[in-house]
Amino acid sequence: LGPGLALRGPDGSMHQAVDGMMLEY
């Protein structure tokens, strides 16, 4: 789900995906 949000999400979703993956990891 992390790479999927970064690739297909809206503008700024890359930062949201990386921050979320950092916390959940």
mmCIF file of all heavy atoms, coordinates in Angstrom:
data_MODEL
# 
_entry.id   MODEL 
# 
loop_
_atom_site.group_PDB 
_atom_site.id 
_atom_site.type_symbol 
_atom_site.label_atom_id 
_atom_site.label_alt_id 
_atom_site.label_comp_id 
_atom_site.label_asym_id 
_atom_site.label_entity_id 
_atom_site.label_seq_id 
_atom_site.pdbx_PDB_ins_code 
_atom_site.Cartn_x 
_atom_site.Cartn_y 
_atom_site.Cartn_z 
_atom_site.occupancy 
_atom_site.B_iso_or_equiv 
_atom_site.pdbx_formal_charge 
_atom_site.auth_seq_id 
_atom_site.auth_comp_id 
_atom_site.auth_asym_id 
_atom_site.auth_atom_id 
_atom_site.pdbx_PDB_model_num 
ATOM 1   N N   . LEU A 1 1  ? 0.809  -1.223 0.000  1.00 0.00 ? 1  LEU A N   1 
ATOM 2   C CA  . LEU A 1 1  ? 0.000  0.000  0.000  1.00 0.00 ? 1  LEU A CA  1 
ATOM 3   C C   . LEU A 1 1  ? 0.844  1.276  0.000  1.00 0.00 ? 1  LEU A C   1 
ATOM 4   O O   . LEU A 1 1  ? 0.393  2.306  -0.518 1.00 0.00 ? 1  LEU A O   1 
ATOM 5   C CB  . LEU A 1 1  ? -0.919 -0.001 1.224  1.00 0.00 ? 1  LEU A CB  1 
ATOM 6   C CG  . LEU A 1 1  ? -1.895 -1.178 1.318  1.00 0.00 ? 1  LEU A CG  1 
ATOM 7   C CD1 . LEU A 1 1  ? -2.762 -1.065 2.565  1.00 0.00 ? 1  LEU A CD1 1 
ATOM 8   C CD2 . LEU A 1 1  ? -2.768 -1.247 0.074  1.00 0.00 ? 1  LEU A CD2 1 
ATOM 9   N N   . GLY A 1 2  ? 2.024  1.205  0.596  1.00 0.00 ? 2  GLY A N   1 
ATOM 10  C CA  . GLY A 1 2  ? 2.860  2.410  0.636  1.00 0.00 ? 2  GLY A CA  1 
ATOM 11  C C   . GLY A 1 2  ? 3.282  2.898  -0.746 1.00 0.00 ? 2  GLY A C   1 
ATOM 12  O O   . GLY A 1 2  ? 3.014  4.054  -1.121 1.00 0.00 ? 2  GLY A O   1 
ATOM 13  N N   . PRO A 1 3  ? 3.947  2.063  -1.550 1.00 0.00 ? 3  PRO A N   1 
ATOM 14  C CA  . PRO A 1 3  ? 4.284  2.498  -2.911 1.00 0.00 ? 3  PRO A CA  1 
ATOM 15  C C   . PRO A 1 3  ? 3.066  2.828  -3.765 1.00 0.00 ? 3  PRO A C   1 
ATOM 16  O O   . PRO A 1 3  ? 3.123  3.709  -4.638 1.00 0.00 ? 3  PRO A O   1 
ATOM 17  C CB  . PRO A 1 3  ? 5.056  1.306  -3.481 1.00 0.00 ? 3  PRO A CB  1 
ATOM 18  C CG  . PRO A 1 3  ? 5.610  0.607  -2.283 1.00 0.00 ? 3  PRO A CG  1 
ATOM 19  C CD  . PRO A 1 3  ? 4.574  0.769  -1.225 1.00 0.00 ? 3  PRO A CD  1 
ATOM 20  N N   . GLY A 1 4  ? 1.951  2.130  -3.528 1.00 0.00 ? 4  GLY A N   1 
ATOM 21  C CA  . GLY A 1 4  ? 0.741  2.445  -4.295 1.00 0.00 ? 4  GLY A CA  1 
ATOM 22  C C   . GLY A 1 4  ? 0.225  3.843  -3.999 1.00 0.00 ? 4  GLY A C   1 
ATOM 23  O O   . GLY A 1 4  ? -0.206 4.562  -4.915 1.00 0.00 ? 4  GLY A O   1 
ATOM 24  N N   . LEU A 1 5  ? 0.250  4.246  -2.716 1.00 0.00 ? 5  LEU A N   1 
ATOM 25  C CA  . LEU A 1 5  ? -0.174 5.604  -2.381 1.00 0.00 ? 5  LEU A CA  1 
ATOM 26  C C   . LEU A 1 5  ? 0.775  6.638  -2.953 1.00 0.00 ? 5  LEU A C   1 
ATOM 27  O O   . LEU A 1 5  ? 0.334  7.704  -3.435 1.00 0.00 ? 5  LEU A O   1 
ATOM 28  C CB  . LEU A 1 5  ? -0.244 5.737  -0.854 1.00 0.00 ? 5  LEU A CB  1 
ATOM 29  C CG  . LEU A 1 5  ? -0.586 7.121  -0.314 1.00 0.00 ? 5  LEU A CG  1 
ATOM 30  C CD1 . LEU A 1 5  ? -1.973 7.572  -0.778 1.00 0.00 ? 5  LEU A CD1 1 
ATOM 31  C CD2 . LEU A 1 5  ? -0.499 7.139  1.214  1.00 0.00 ? 5  LEU A CD2 1 
ATOM 32  N N   . ALA A 1 6  ? 2.068  6.351  -2.934 1.00 0.00 ? 6  ALA A N   1 
ATOM 33  C CA  . ALA A 1 6  ? 3.034  7.316  -3.461 1.00 0.00 ? 6  ALA A CA  1 
ATOM 34  C C   . ALA A 1 6  ? 2.917  7.488  -4.973 1.00 0.00 ? 6  ALA A C   1 
ATOM 35  O O   . ALA A 1 6  ? 3.109  8.590  -5.500 1.00 0.00 ? 6  ALA A O   1 
ATOM 36  C CB  . ALA A 1 6  ? 4.451  6.876  -3.100 1.00 0.00 ? 6  ALA A CB  1 
ATOM 37  N N   . LEU A 1 7  ? 2.573  6.441  -5.692 1.00 0.00 ? 7  LEU A N   1 
ATOM 38  C CA  . LEU A 1 7  ? 2.505  6.509  -7.152 1.00 0.00 ? 7  LEU A CA  1 
ATOM 39  C C   . LEU A 1 7  ? 1.171  7.041  -7.658 1.00 0.00 ? 7  LEU A C   1 
ATOM 40  O O   . LEU A 1 7  ? 1.116  7.842  -8.595 1.00 0.00 ? 7  LEU A O   1 
ATOM 41  C CB  . LEU A 1 7  ? 2.768  5.123  -7.746 1.00 0.00 ? 7  LEU A CB  1 
ATOM 42  C CG  . LEU A 1 7  ? 4.196  4.587  -7.603 1.00 0.00 ? 7  LEU A CG  1 
ATOM 43  C CD1 . LEU A 1 7  ? 4.277  3.166  -8.137 1.00 0.00 ? 7  LEU A CD1 1 
ATOM 44  C CD2 . LEU A 1 7  ? 5.194  5.486  -8.327 1.00 0.00 ? 7  LEU A CD2 1 
ATOM 45  N N   . ARG A 1 8  ? 0.060  6.612  -7.044 1.00 0.00 ? 8  ARG A N   1 
ATOM 46  C CA  . ARG A 1 8  ? -1.262 6.941  -7.583 1.00 0.00 ? 8  ARG A CA  1 
ATOM 47  C C   . ARG A 1 8  ? -2.032 7.943  -6.727 1.00 0.00 ? 8  ARG A C   1 
ATOM 48  O O   . ARG A 1 8  ? -3.185 8.230  -7.036 1.00 0.00 ? 8  ARG A O   1 
ATOM 49  C CB  . ARG A 1 8  ? -2.076 5.650  -7.723 1.00 0.00 ? 8  ARG A CB  1 
ATOM 50  C CG  . ARG A 1 8  ? -1.490 4.666  -8.701 1.00 0.00 ? 8  ARG A CG  1 
ATOM 51  C CD  . ARG A 1 8  ? -2.447 3.520  -8.955 1.00 0.00 ? 8  ARG A CD  1 
ATOM 52  N NE  . ARG A 1 8  ? -2.671 2.744  -7.744 1.00 0.00 ? 8  ARG A NE  1 
ATOM 53  C CZ  . ARG A 1 8  ? -1.944 1.699  -7.379 1.00 0.00 ? 8  ARG A CZ  1 
ATOM 54  N NH1 . ARG A 1 8  ? -0.935 1.302  -8.140 1.00 0.00 ? 8  ARG A NH1 1 
ATOM 55  N NH2 . ARG A 1 8  ? -2.210 1.044  -6.268 1.00 0.00 ? 8  ARG A NH2 1 
ATOM 56  N N   . GLY A 1 9  ? -1.427 8.431  -5.675 1.00 0.00 ? 9  GLY A N   1 
ATOM 57  C CA  . GLY A 1 9  ? -2.128 9.370  -4.807 1.00 0.00 ? 9  GLY A CA  1 
ATOM 58  C C   . GLY A 1 9  ? -2.127 10.789 -5.368 1.00 0.00 ? 9  GLY A C   1 
ATOM 59  O O   . GLY A 1 9  ? -1.509 11.083 -6.399 1.00 0.00 ? 9  GLY A O   1 
ATOM 60  N N   . PRO A 1 10 ? -2.798 11.677 -4.678 1.00 0.00 ? 10 PRO A N   1 
ATOM 61  C CA  . PRO A 1 10 ? -2.824 13.082 -5.114 1.00 0.00 ? 10 PRO A CA  1 
ATOM 62  C C   . PRO A 1 10 ? -1.481 13.764 -4.874 1.00 0.00 ? 10 PRO A C   1 
ATOM 63  O O   . PRO A 1 10 ? -0.509 13.150 -4.427 1.00 0.00 ? 10 PRO A O   1 
ATOM 64  C CB  . PRO A 1 10 ? -3.939 13.689 -4.247 1.00 0.00 ? 10 PRO A CB  1 
ATOM 65  C CG  . PRO A 1 10 ? -3.985 12.825 -3.038 1.00 0.00 ? 10 PRO A CG  1 
ATOM 66  C CD  . PRO A 1 10 ? -3.627 11.451 -3.489 1.00 0.00 ? 10 PRO A CD  1 
ATOM 67  N N   . ASP A 1 11 ? -1.450 15.049 -5.137 1.00 0.00 ? 11 ASP A N   1 
ATOM 68  C CA  . ASP A 1 11 ? -0.220 15.818 -4.954 1.00 0.00 ? 11 ASP A CA  1 
ATOM 69  C C   . ASP A 1 11 ? 0.163  15.852 -3.475 1.00 0.00 ? 11 ASP A C   1 
ATOM 70  O O   . ASP A 1 11 ? -0.661 16.165 -2.607 1.00 0.00 ? 11 ASP A O   1 
ATOM 71  C CB  . ASP A 1 11 ? -0.417 17.241 -5.478 1.00 0.00 ? 11 ASP A CB  1 
ATOM 72  C CG  . ASP A 1 11 ? 0.887  18.005 -5.530 1.00 0.00 ? 11 ASP A CG  1 
ATOM 73  O OD1 . ASP A 1 11 ? 1.964  17.365 -5.458 1.00 0.00 ? 11 ASP A OD1 1 
ATOM 74  O OD2 . ASP A 1 11 ? 0.842  19.254 -5.611 1.00 0.00 ? 11 ASP A OD2 1 
ATOM 75  N N   . GLY A 1 12 ? 1.424  15.539 -3.196 1.00 0.00 ? 12 GLY A N   1 
ATOM 76  C CA  . GLY A 1 12 ? 1.893  15.487 -1.817 1.00 0.00 ? 12 GLY A CA  1 
ATOM 77  C C   . GLY A 1 12 ? 1.742  14.122 -1.166 1.00 0.00 ? 12 GLY A C   1 
ATOM 78  O O   . GLY A 1 12 ? 2.057  13.969 0.026  1.00 0.00 ? 12 GLY A O   1 
ATOM 79  N N   . SER A 1 13 ? 1.267  13.139 -1.912 1.00 0.00 ? 13 SER A N   1 
ATOM 80  C CA  . SER A 1 13 ? 1.070  11.812 -1.321 1.00 0.00 ? 13 SER A CA  1 
ATOM 81  C C   . SER A 1 13 ? 2.384  11.078 -1.084 1.00 0.00 ? 13 SER A C   1 
ATOM 82  O O   . SER A 1 13 ? 2.431  10.154 -0.263 1.00 0.00 ? 13 SER A O   1 
ATOM 83  C CB  . SER A 1 13 ? 0.154  10.977 -2.225 1.00 0.00 ? 13 SER A CB  1 
ATOM 84  O OG  . SER A 1 13 ? 0.721  10.844 -3.522 1.00 0.00 ? 13 SER A OG  1 
ATOM 85  N N   . MET A 1 14 ? 3.453  11.470 -1.784 1.00 0.00 ? 14 MET A N   1 
ATOM 86  C CA  . MET A 1 14 ? 4.746  10.837 -1.564 1.00 0.00 ? 14 MET A CA  1 
ATOM 87  C C   . MET A 1 14 ? 5.221  11.061 -0.132 1.00 0.00 ? 14 MET A C   1 
ATOM 88  O O   . MET A 1 14 ? 5.669  10.126 0.544  1.00 0.00 ? 14 MET A O   1 
ATOM 89  C CB  . MET A 1 14 ? 5.774  11.380 -2.554 1.00 0.00 ? 14 MET A CB  1 
ATOM 90  C CG  . MET A 1 14 ? 7.201  10.896 -2.308 1.00 0.00 ? 14 MET A CG  1 
ATOM 91  S SD  . MET A 1 14 ? 7.435  9.123  -2.572 1.00 0.00 ? 14 MET A SD  1 
ATOM 92  C CE  . MET A 1 14 ? 7.487  9.092  -4.362 1.00 0.00 ? 14 MET A CE  1 
ATOM 93  N N   . HIS A 1 15 ? 5.118  12.276 0.357  1.00 0.00 ? 15 HIS A N   1 
ATOM 94  C CA  . HIS A 1 15 ? 5.529  12.575 1.733  1.00 0.00 ? 15 HIS A CA  1 
ATOM 95  C C   . HIS A 1 15 ? 4.635  11.826 2.740  1.00 0.00 ? 15 HIS A C   1 
ATOM 96  O O   . HIS A 1 15 ? 5.128  11.305 3.743  1.00 0.00 ? 15 HIS A O   1 
ATOM 97  C CB  . HIS A 1 15 ? 5.452  14.082 1.973  1.00 0.00 ? 15 HIS A CB  1 
ATOM 98  C CG  . HIS A 1 15 ? 6.253  14.884 0.993  1.00 0.00 ? 15 HIS A CG  1 
ATOM 99  N ND1 . HIS A 1 15 ? 7.634  14.941 1.012  1.00 0.00 ? 15 HIS A ND1 1 
ATOM 100 C CD2 . HIS A 1 15 ? 5.863  15.659 -0.057 1.00 0.00 ? 15 HIS A CD2 1 
ATOM 101 C CE1 . HIS A 1 15 ? 8.071  15.721 0.029  1.00 0.00 ? 15 HIS A CE1 1 
ATOM 102 N NE2 . HIS A 1 15 ? 7.004  16.178 -0.639 1.00 0.00 ? 15 HIS A NE2 1 
ATOM 103 N N   . GLN A 1 16 ? 3.342  11.781 2.456  1.00 0.00 ? 16 GLN A N   1 
ATOM 104 C CA  . GLN A 1 16 ? 2.430  11.076 3.349  1.00 0.00 ? 16 GLN A CA  1 
ATOM 105 C C   . GLN A 1 16 ? 2.727  9.580  3.384  1.00 0.00 ? 16 GLN A C   1 
ATOM 106 O O   . GLN A 1 16 ? 2.699  8.956  4.460  1.00 0.00 ? 16 GLN A O   1 
ATOM 107 C CB  . GLN A 1 16 ? 0.991  11.308 2.896  1.00 0.00 ? 16 GLN A CB  1 
ATOM 108 C CG  . GLN A 1 16 ? -0.056 10.676 3.790  1.00 0.00 ? 16 GLN A CG  1 
ATOM 109 C CD  . GLN A 1 16 ? -1.471 10.938 3.295  1.00 0.00 ? 16 GLN A CD  1 
ATOM 110 O OE1 . GLN A 1 16 ? -1.661 11.625 2.274  1.00 0.00 ? 16 GLN A OE1 1 
ATOM 111 N NE2 . GLN A 1 16 ? -2.449 10.408 3.996  1.00 0.00 ? 16 GLN A NE2 1 
ATOM 112 N N   . ALA A 1 17 ? 3.047  8.997  2.226  1.00 0.00 ? 17 ALA A N   1 
ATOM 113 C CA  . ALA A 1 17 ? 3.349  7.574  2.164  1.00 0.00 ? 17 ALA A CA  1 
ATOM 114 C C   . ALA A 1 17 ? 4.647  7.244  2.906  1.00 0.00 ? 17 ALA A C   1 
ATOM 115 O O   . ALA A 1 17 ? 4.713  6.267  3.665  1.00 0.00 ? 17 ALA A O   1 
ATOM 116 C CB  . ALA A 1 17 ? 3.446  7.122  0.711  1.00 0.00 ? 17 ALA A CB  1 
ATOM 117 N N   . VAL A 1 18 ? 5.683  8.063  2.719  1.00 0.00 ? 18 VAL A N   1 
ATOM 118 C CA  . VAL A 1 18 ? 6.966  7.801  3.375  1.00 0.00 ? 18 VAL A CA  1 
ATOM 119 C C   . VAL A 1 18 ? 6.848  7.971  4.884  1.00 0.00 ? 18 VAL A C   1 
ATOM 120 O O   . VAL A 1 18 ? 7.350  7.148  5.664  1.00 0.00 ? 18 VAL A O   1 
ATOM 121 C CB  . VAL A 1 18 ? 8.058  8.712  2.794  1.00 0.00 ? 18 VAL A CB  1 
ATOM 122 C CG1 . VAL A 1 18 ? 9.355  8.560  3.589  1.00 0.00 ? 18 VAL A CG1 1 
ATOM 123 C CG2 . VAL A 1 18 ? 8.306  8.376  1.337  1.00 0.00 ? 18 VAL A CG2 1 
ATOM 124 N N   . ASP A 1 19 ? 6.170  9.026  5.339  1.00 0.00 ? 19 ASP A N   1 
ATOM 125 C CA  . ASP A 1 19 ? 6.001  9.233  6.781  1.00 0.00 ? 19 ASP A CA  1 
ATOM 126 C C   . ASP A 1 19 ? 5.178  8.118  7.419  1.00 0.00 ? 19 ASP A C   1 
ATOM 127 O O   . ASP A 1 19 ? 5.494  7.642  8.513  1.00 0.00 ? 19 ASP A O   1 
ATOM 128 C CB  . ASP A 1 19 ? 5.328  10.589 7.019  1.00 0.00 ? 19 ASP A CB  1 
ATOM 129 C CG  . ASP A 1 19 ? 6.211  11.757 6.582  1.00 0.00 ? 19 ASP A CG  1 
ATOM 130 O OD1 . ASP A 1 19 ? 7.446  11.564 6.503  1.00 0.00 ? 19 ASP A OD1 1 
ATOM 131 O OD2 . ASP A 1 19 ? 5.659  12.847 6.305  1.00 0.00 ? 19 ASP A OD2 1 
ATOM 132 N N   . GLY A 1 20 ? 4.125  7.676  6.714  1.00 0.00 ? 20 GLY A N   1 
ATOM 133 C CA  . GLY A 1 20 ? 3.320  6.577  7.236  1.00 0.00 ? 20 GLY A CA  1 
ATOM 134 C C   . GLY A 1 20 ? 4.087  5.265  7.284  1.00 0.00 ? 20 GLY A C   1 
ATOM 135 O O   . GLY A 1 20 ? 3.982  4.508  8.259  1.00 0.00 ? 20 GLY A O   1 
ATOM 136 N N   . MET A 1 21 ? 4.882  5.000  6.262  1.00 0.00 ? 21 MET A N   1 
ATOM 137 C CA  . MET A 1 21 ? 5.675  3.775  6.261  1.00 0.00 ? 21 MET A CA  1 
ATOM 138 C C   . MET A 1 21 ? 6.743  3.797  7.350  1.00 0.00 ? 21 MET A C   1 
ATOM 139 O O   . MET A 1 21 ? 7.038  2.766  7.977  1.00 0.00 ? 21 MET A O   1 
ATOM 140 C CB  . MET A 1 21 ? 6.339  3.581  4.889  1.00 0.00 ? 21 MET A CB  1 
ATOM 141 C CG  . MET A 1 21 ? 5.397  3.148  3.792  1.00 0.00 ? 21 MET A CG  1 
ATOM 142 S SD  . MET A 1 21 ? 6.264  2.632  2.303  1.00 0.00 ? 21 MET A SD  1 
ATOM 143 C CE  . MET A 1 21 ? 7.053  1.135  2.863  1.00 0.00 ? 21 MET A CE  1 
ATOM 144 N N   . MET A 1 22 ? 7.306  4.967  7.609  1.00 0.00 ? 22 MET A N   1 
ATOM 145 C CA  . MET A 1 22 ? 8.306  5.079  8.657  1.00 0.00 ? 22 MET A CA  1 
ATOM 146 C C   . MET A 1 22 ? 7.716  4.724  10.027 1.00 0.00 ? 22 MET A C   1 
ATOM 147 O O   . MET A 1 22 ? 8.317  3.982  10.819 1.00 0.00 ? 22 MET A O   1 
ATOM 148 C CB  . MET A 1 22 ? 8.866  6.507  8.682  1.00 0.00 ? 22 MET A CB  1 
ATOM 149 C CG  . MET A 1 22 ? 10.008 6.712  9.651  1.00 0.00 ? 22 MET A CG  1 
ATOM 150 S SD  . MET A 1 22 ? 10.506 8.459  9.720  1.00 0.00 ? 22 MET A SD  1 
ATOM 151 C CE  . MET A 1 22 ? 10.836 8.790  7.992  1.00 0.00 ? 22 MET A CE  1 
ATOM 152 N N   . LEU A 1 23 ? 6.525  5.219  10.298 1.00 0.00 ? 23 LEU A N   1 
ATOM 153 C CA  . LEU A 1 23 ? 5.877  4.949  11.576 1.00 0.00 ? 23 LEU A CA  1 
ATOM 154 C C   . LEU A 1 23 ? 5.445  3.488  11.701 1.00 0.00 ? 23 LEU A C   1 
ATOM 155 O O   . LEU A 1 23 ? 5.709  2.829  12.722 1.00 0.00 ? 23 LEU A O   1 
ATOM 156 C CB  . LEU A 1 23 ? 4.676  5.882  11.743 1.00 0.00 ? 23 LEU A CB  1 
ATOM 157 C CG  . LEU A 1 23 ? 3.856  5.715  13.028 1.00 0.00 ? 23 LEU A CG  1 
ATOM 158 C CD1 . LEU A 1 23 ? 4.705  6.007  14.251 1.00 0.00 ? 23 LEU A CD1 1 
ATOM 159 C CD2 . LEU A 1 23 ? 2.636  6.626  12.985 1.00 0.00 ? 23 LEU A CD2 1 
ATOM 160 N N   . GLU A 1 24 ? 4.805  2.974  10.679 1.00 0.00 ? 24 GLU A N   1 
ATOM 161 C CA  . GLU A 1 24 ? 4.312  1.606  10.741 1.00 0.00 ? 24 GLU A CA  1 
ATOM 162 C C   . GLU A 1 24 ? 5.446  0.585  10.684 1.00 0.00 ? 24 GLU A C   1 
ATOM 163 O O   . GLU A 1 24 ? 5.332  -0.507 11.260 1.00 0.00 ? 24 GLU A O   1 
ATOM 164 C CB  . GLU A 1 24 ? 3.334  1.349  9.589  1.00 0.00 ? 24 GLU A CB  1 
ATOM 165 C CG  . GLU A 1 24 ? 2.049  2.154  9.662  1.00 0.00 ? 24 GLU A CG  1 
ATOM 166 C CD  . GLU A 1 24 ? 1.238  1.800  10.895 1.00 0.00 ? 24 GLU A CD  1 
ATOM 167 O OE1 . GLU A 1 24 ? 1.327  0.636  11.362 1.00 0.00 ? 24 GLU A OE1 1 
ATOM 168 O OE2 . GLU A 1 24 ? 0.513  2.679  11.392 1.00 0.00 ? 24 GLU A OE2 1 
ATOM 169 N N   . TYR A 1 25 ? 6.538  0.940  10.032 1.00 0.00 ? 25 TYR A N   1 
ATOM 170 C CA  . TYR A 1 25 ? 7.673  0.023  9.992  1.00 0.00 ? 25 TYR A CA  1 
ATOM 171 C C   . TYR A 1 25 ? 8.280  -0.154 11.383 1.00 0.00 ? 25 TYR A C   1 
ATOM 172 O O   . TYR A 1 25 ? 8.691  -1.256 11.757 1.00 0.00 ? 25 TYR A O   1 
ATOM 173 C CB  . TYR A 1 25 ? 8.733  0.529  9.019  1.00 0.00 ? 25 TYR A CB  1 
ATOM 174 C CG  . TYR A 1 25 ? 10.022 -0.240 9.085  1.00 0.00 ? 25 TYR A CG  1 
ATOM 175 C CD1 . TYR A 1 25 ? 10.109 -1.526 8.548  1.00 0.00 ? 25 TYR A CD1 1 
ATOM 176 C CD2 . TYR A 1 25 ? 11.150 0.312  9.700  1.00 0.00 ? 25 TYR A CD2 1 
ATOM 177 C CE1 . TYR A 1 25 ? 11.294 -2.242 8.624  1.00 0.00 ? 25 TYR A CE1 1 
ATOM 178 C CE2 . TYR A 1 25 ? 12.330 -0.403 9.780  1.00 0.00 ? 25 TYR A CE2 1 
ATOM 179 C CZ  . TYR A 1 25 ? 12.398 -1.672 9.246  1.00 0.00 ? 25 TYR A CZ  1 
ATOM 180 O OH  . TYR A 1 25 ? 13.565 -2.387 9.333  1.00 0.00 ? 25 TYR A OH  1 
# 
